[in-house]
Amino acid sequence: MAIVDVTVIPIGTATPSVSDYVAQLQKILKRHEDEGTISFKLTPMSTLIEGELPDLFRIVQEIHEAPFSQGIQRVATNIRIDDRRDKKERWRIN
């Protein structure tokens, strides 16, 4: 299992609030969590997602693309990955 710390930043929003974009990302993550692919936790500054690395890359791409579908023309996404392979341990981040 790996953990991704990801921040998706929509640039050029009409107001300083990004809650609508965060809500859309949360729906995407919840769907993947309900499927049993990941677990996740929203924090004030980023989102932690735990799962298998190929799934995490696919899901990070999906949440990166989400603001574009809401009309945003520019998105900056920051990603940090912790991938420990010497022991099988889940962090249970949610």
N, C-alpha and C. Protein backbone atom coordinates (compact mmCIF):
# COMPACT_ATOMS: atom_id res chain seq x y z
N MET A 1 0.84 -1.19 0.00
CA MET A 1 0.00 0.00 0.00
C MET A 1 0.87 1.24 0.00
N ALA A 2 0.38 2.24 -0.67
CA ALA A 2 1.06 3.54 -0.72
C ALA A 2 0.08 4.60 -0.23
N ILE A 3 0.65 5.73 0.14
CA ILE A 3 -0.16 6.89 0.53
C ILE A 3 0.23 8.05 -0.37
N VAL A 4 -0.77 8.73 -0.89
CA VAL A 4 -0.56 9.92 -1.69
C VAL A 4 -1.13 11.10 -0.91
N ASP A 5 -0.35 12.15 -0.82
CA ASP A 5 -0.79 13.42 -0.26
C ASP A 5 -0.96 14.34 -1.47
N VAL A 6 -2.19 14.72 -1.79
CA VAL A 6 -2.46 15.46 -3.01
C VAL A 6 -3.25 16.73 -2.72
N THR A 7 -2.88 17.78 -3.43
CA THR A 7 -3.59 19.05 -3.37
C THR A 7 -3.94 19.47 -4.78
N VAL A 8 -5.21 19.64 -5.07
CA VAL A 8 -5.68 20.09 -6.37
C VAL A 8 -6.10 21.55 -6.23
N ILE A 9 -5.49 22.41 -7.03
CA ILE A 9 -5.72 23.84 -6.90
C ILE A 9 -6.30 24.38 -8.21
N PRO A 10 -7.61 24.67 -8.23
CA PRO A 10 -8.18 25.30 -9.42
C PRO A 10 -7.75 26.77 -9.47
N ILE A 11 -7.25 27.19 -10.60
CA ILE A 11 -6.75 28.56 -10.74
C ILE A 11 -7.71 29.36 -11.62
N GLY A 12 -8.06 30.55 -11.17
CA GLY A 12 -8.94 31.42 -11.94
C GLY A 12 -10.40 31.24 -11.60
N THR A 13 -10.68 30.89 -10.34
CA THR A 13 -12.07 30.75 -9.91
C THR A 13 -12.72 32.13 -9.78
N ALA A 14 -14.03 32.15 -9.88
CA ALA A 14 -14.77 33.42 -9.82
C ALA A 14 -14.69 34.07 -8.44
N THR A 15 -14.58 33.25 -7.39
CA THR A 15 -14.49 33.74 -6.02
C THR A 15 -13.34 33.03 -5.31
N PRO A 16 -12.94 33.52 -4.14
CA PRO A 16 -11.89 32.84 -3.39
C PRO A 16 -12.29 31.44 -2.90
N SER A 17 -13.57 31.16 -2.81
CA SER A 17 -14.04 29.87 -2.32
C SER A 17 -13.82 28.79 -3.37
N VAL A 18 -13.33 27.64 -2.92
CA VAL A 18 -13.17 26.48 -3.82
C VAL A 18 -13.98 25.29 -3.31
N SER A 19 -14.96 25.55 -2.44
CA SER A 19 -15.71 24.46 -1.82
C SER A 19 -16.47 23.60 -2.84
N ASP A 20 -16.98 24.20 -3.91
CA ASP A 20 -17.67 23.42 -4.93
C ASP A 20 -16.74 22.42 -5.61
N TYR A 21 -15.50 22.83 -5.81
CA TYR A 21 -14.51 21.95 -6.45
C TYR A 21 -14.09 20.83 -5.49
N VAL A 22 -13.92 21.18 -4.23
CA VAL A 22 -13.57 20.18 -3.21
C VAL A 22 -14.70 19.17 -3.07
N ALA A 23 -15.94 19.63 -3.10
CA ALA A 23 -17.09 18.72 -2.99
C ALA A 23 -17.11 17.72 -4.15
N GLN A 24 -16.78 18.18 -5.35
CA GLN A 24 -16.73 17.28 -6.51
C GLN A 24 -15.63 16.24 -6.33
N LEU A 25 -14.47 16.66 -5.85
CA LEU A 25 -13.37 15.73 -5.61
C LEU A 25 -13.75 14.70 -4.56
N GLN A 26 -14.44 15.16 -3.52
CA GLN A 26 -14.85 14.26 -2.46
C GLN A 26 -15.82 13.19 -2.99
N LYS A 27 -16.70 13.56 -3.89
CA LYS A 27 -17.63 12.58 -4.48
C LYS A 27 -16.87 11.52 -5.27
N ILE A 28 -15.87 11.95 -6.01
CA ILE A 28 -15.05 11.00 -6.77
C ILE A 28 -14.33 10.05 -5.83
N LEU A 29 -13.71 10.61 -4.79
CA LEU A 29 -12.98 9.77 -3.84
C LEU A 29 -13.91 8.83 -3.08
N LYS A 30 -15.08 9.31 -2.72
CA LYS A 30 -16.05 8.48 -2.00
C LYS A 30 -16.49 7.30 -2.87
N ARG A 31 -16.68 7.54 -4.15
CA ARG A 31 -17.07 6.45 -5.06
C ARG A 31 -15.99 5.37 -5.09
N HIS A 32 -14.74 5.78 -5.17
CA HIS A 32 -13.64 4.82 -5.19
C HIS A 32 -13.49 4.11 -3.84
N GLU A 33 -13.76 4.84 -2.77
CA GLU A 33 -13.72 4.23 -1.44
C GLU A 33 -14.83 3.19 -1.30
N ASP A 34 -16.02 3.52 -1.77
CA ASP A 34 -17.15 2.58 -1.70
C ASP A 34 -16.87 1.32 -2.53
N GLU A 35 -16.10 1.45 -3.60
CA GLU A 35 -15.71 0.30 -4.42
C GLU A 35 -14.62 -0.53 -3.74
N GLY A 36 -14.03 -0.02 -2.67
CA GLY A 36 -12.99 -0.74 -1.94
C GLY A 36 -11.59 -0.54 -2.51
N THR A 37 -11.43 0.42 -3.40
CA THR A 37 -10.13 0.65 -4.03
C THR A 37 -9.19 1.45 -3.15
N ILE A 38 -9.73 2.41 -2.42
CA ILE A 38 -8.90 3.33 -1.62
C ILE A 38 -9.57 3.62 -0.28
N SER A 39 -8.81 4.25 0.59
CA SER A 39 -9.38 4.98 1.72
C SER A 39 -8.80 6.39 1.62
N PHE A 40 -9.52 7.38 2.15
CA PHE A 40 -9.03 8.75 2.03
C PHE A 40 -9.46 9.57 3.24
N LYS A 41 -8.74 10.68 3.40
CA LYS A 41 -9.05 11.62 4.46
C LYS A 41 -8.79 13.03 3.93
N LEU A 42 -9.81 13.87 4.01
CA LEU A 42 -9.64 15.29 3.68
C LEU A 42 -9.02 15.99 4.87
N THR A 43 -8.04 16.84 4.63
CA THR A 43 -7.44 17.65 5.68
C THR A 43 -7.62 19.12 5.26
N PRO A 44 -7.32 20.05 6.13
CA PRO A 44 -7.49 21.45 5.75
C PRO A 44 -6.63 21.90 4.56
N MET A 45 -5.50 21.22 4.34
CA MET A 45 -4.57 21.67 3.30
C MET A 45 -4.39 20.70 2.14
N SER A 46 -4.82 19.44 2.30
CA SER A 46 -4.63 18.45 1.25
C SER A 46 -5.55 17.26 1.51
N THR A 47 -5.39 16.25 0.67
CA THR A 47 -6.15 15.01 0.83
C THR A 47 -5.16 13.85 0.87
N LEU A 48 -5.34 12.95 1.82
CA LEU A 48 -4.53 11.74 1.91
C LEU A 48 -5.33 10.59 1.32
N ILE A 49 -4.70 9.85 0.42
CA ILE A 49 -5.36 8.71 -0.21
C ILE A 49 -4.45 7.50 -0.08
N GLU A 50 -5.01 6.39 0.40
CA GLU A 50 -4.24 5.16 0.56
C GLU A 50 -4.77 4.10 -0.39
N GLY A 51 -3.88 3.40 -1.04
CA GLY A 51 -4.26 2.32 -1.93
C GLY A 51 -3.07 1.77 -2.67
N GLU A 52 -3.34 0.95 -3.68
CA GLU A 52 -2.27 0.42 -4.52
C GLU A 52 -1.83 1.52 -5.49
N LEU A 53 -0.53 1.61 -5.72
CA LEU A 53 0.03 2.72 -6.49
C LEU A 53 -0.61 2.91 -7.87
N PRO A 54 -0.83 1.87 -8.67
CA PRO A 54 -1.48 2.10 -9.97
C PRO A 54 -2.88 2.73 -9.83
N ASP A 55 -3.63 2.28 -8.82
CA ASP A 55 -4.95 2.87 -8.59
C ASP A 55 -4.82 4.33 -8.17
N LEU A 56 -3.84 4.63 -7.33
CA LEU A 56 -3.67 6.01 -6.86
C LEU A 56 -3.34 6.95 -8.01
N PHE A 57 -2.46 6.51 -8.92
CA PHE A 57 -2.14 7.36 -10.07
C PHE A 57 -3.38 7.62 -10.92
N ARG A 58 -4.17 6.59 -11.14
CA ARG A 58 -5.39 6.73 -11.94
C ARG A 58 -6.38 7.69 -11.27
N ILE A 59 -6.55 7.56 -9.96
CA ILE A 59 -7.49 8.39 -9.22
C ILE A 59 -6.99 9.83 -9.11
N VAL A 60 -5.69 10.02 -8.92
CA VAL A 60 -5.14 11.38 -8.90
C VAL A 60 -5.38 12.06 -10.24
N GLN A 61 -5.21 11.33 -11.34
CA GLN A 61 -5.51 11.92 -12.64
C GLN A 61 -6.99 12.29 -12.75
N GLU A 62 -7.85 11.43 -12.23
CA GLU A 62 -9.29 11.71 -12.29
C GLU A 62 -9.65 12.97 -11.49
N ILE A 63 -9.09 13.12 -10.29
CA ILE A 63 -9.44 14.31 -9.51
C ILE A 63 -8.74 15.56 -10.06
N HIS A 64 -7.60 15.39 -10.71
CA HIS A 64 -6.95 16.53 -11.37
C HIS A 64 -7.83 17.05 -12.52
N GLU A 65 -8.46 16.14 -13.25
CA GLU A 65 -9.29 16.50 -14.39
C GLU A 65 -10.65 17.12 -13.99
N ALA A 66 -11.12 16.83 -12.78
CA ALA A 66 -12.46 17.24 -12.37
C ALA A 66 -12.72 18.74 -12.48
N PRO A 67 -11.82 19.62 -12.01
CA PRO A 67 -12.12 21.05 -12.14
C PRO A 67 -12.27 21.52 -13.59
N PHE A 68 -11.57 20.87 -14.51
CA PHE A 68 -11.72 21.23 -15.93
C PHE A 68 -13.15 20.99 -16.39
N SER A 69 -13.76 19.91 -15.89
CA SER A 69 -15.14 19.61 -16.28
C SER A 69 -16.14 20.61 -15.69
N GLN A 70 -15.67 21.41 -14.73
CA GLN A 70 -16.50 22.43 -14.11
C GLN A 70 -16.19 23.83 -14.68
N GLY A 71 -15.44 23.87 -15.76
CA GLY A 71 -15.18 25.14 -16.43
C GLY A 71 -13.87 25.82 -16.10
N ILE A 72 -13.09 25.27 -15.20
CA ILE A 72 -11.79 25.86 -14.87
C ILE A 72 -10.84 25.60 -16.04
N GLN A 73 -10.01 26.58 -16.37
CA GLN A 73 -9.09 26.46 -17.49
C GLN A 73 -7.66 26.13 -17.08
N ARG A 74 -7.37 26.20 -15.77
CA ARG A 74 -6.02 25.90 -15.29
C ARG A 74 -6.11 25.26 -13.92
N VAL A 75 -5.35 24.17 -13.74
CA VAL A 75 -5.35 23.44 -12.46
C VAL A 75 -3.90 23.10 -12.13
N ALA A 76 -3.50 23.38 -10.89
CA ALA A 76 -2.19 22.97 -10.38
C ALA A 76 -2.42 21.86 -9.36
N THR A 77 -1.75 20.75 -9.53
CA THR A 77 -1.90 19.62 -8.61
C THR A 77 -0.54 19.25 -8.05
N ASN A 78 -0.46 19.22 -6.72
CA ASN A 78 0.77 18.83 -6.03
C ASN A 78 0.59 17.43 -5.47
N ILE A 79 1.60 16.57 -5.67
CA ILE A 79 1.51 15.18 -5.25
C ILE A 79 2.78 14.80 -4.49
N ARG A 80 2.58 14.14 -3.34
CA ARG A 80 3.68 13.49 -2.62
C ARG A 80 3.27 12.04 -2.41
N ILE A 81 4.21 11.12 -2.58
CA ILE A 81 3.92 9.70 -2.48
C ILE A 81 4.82 9.07 -1.42
N ASP A 82 4.21 8.30 -0.53
CA ASP A 82 4.94 7.47 0.43
C ASP A 82 4.61 6.03 0.07
N ASP A 83 5.60 5.32 -0.45
CA ASP A 83 5.40 3.94 -0.92
C ASP A 83 6.38 3.03 -0.21
N ARG A 84 5.93 2.40 0.85
CA ARG A 84 6.78 1.52 1.65
C ARG A 84 6.49 0.08 1.28
N ARG A 85 7.52 -0.64 0.88
CA ARG A 85 7.33 -2.01 0.39
C ARG A 85 7.99 -3.08 1.25
N ASP A 86 8.59 -2.69 2.36
CA ASP A 86 9.24 -3.70 3.20
C ASP A 86 8.28 -4.37 4.17
N LYS A 87 7.09 -3.85 4.32
CA LYS A 87 6.09 -4.51 5.15
C LYS A 87 4.68 -4.16 4.65
N LYS A 88 3.80 -5.10 4.83
CA LYS A 88 2.40 -4.91 4.41
C LYS A 88 1.64 -4.31 5.58
N GLU A 89 1.43 -3.03 5.51
CA GLU A 89 0.73 -2.35 6.60
C GLU A 89 -0.19 -1.30 6.02
N ARG A 90 -1.39 -1.26 6.52
CA ARG A 90 -2.32 -0.20 6.13
C ARG A 90 -2.29 0.86 7.21
N TRP A 91 -2.33 2.09 6.83
CA TRP A 91 -2.31 3.19 7.78
C TRP A 91 -3.69 3.48 8.33
N ARG A 92 -4.72 3.06 7.60
CA ARG A 92 -6.10 3.33 8.01
C ARG A 92 -6.29 4.83 8.25
N ILE A 93 -6.13 5.56 7.18
CA ILE A 93 -6.13 7.02 7.28
C ILE A 93 -7.50 7.63 7.45
N ASN A 94 -8.56 6.89 7.22
CA ASN A 94 -9.88 7.52 7.32
C ASN A 94 -10.44 7.47 8.71
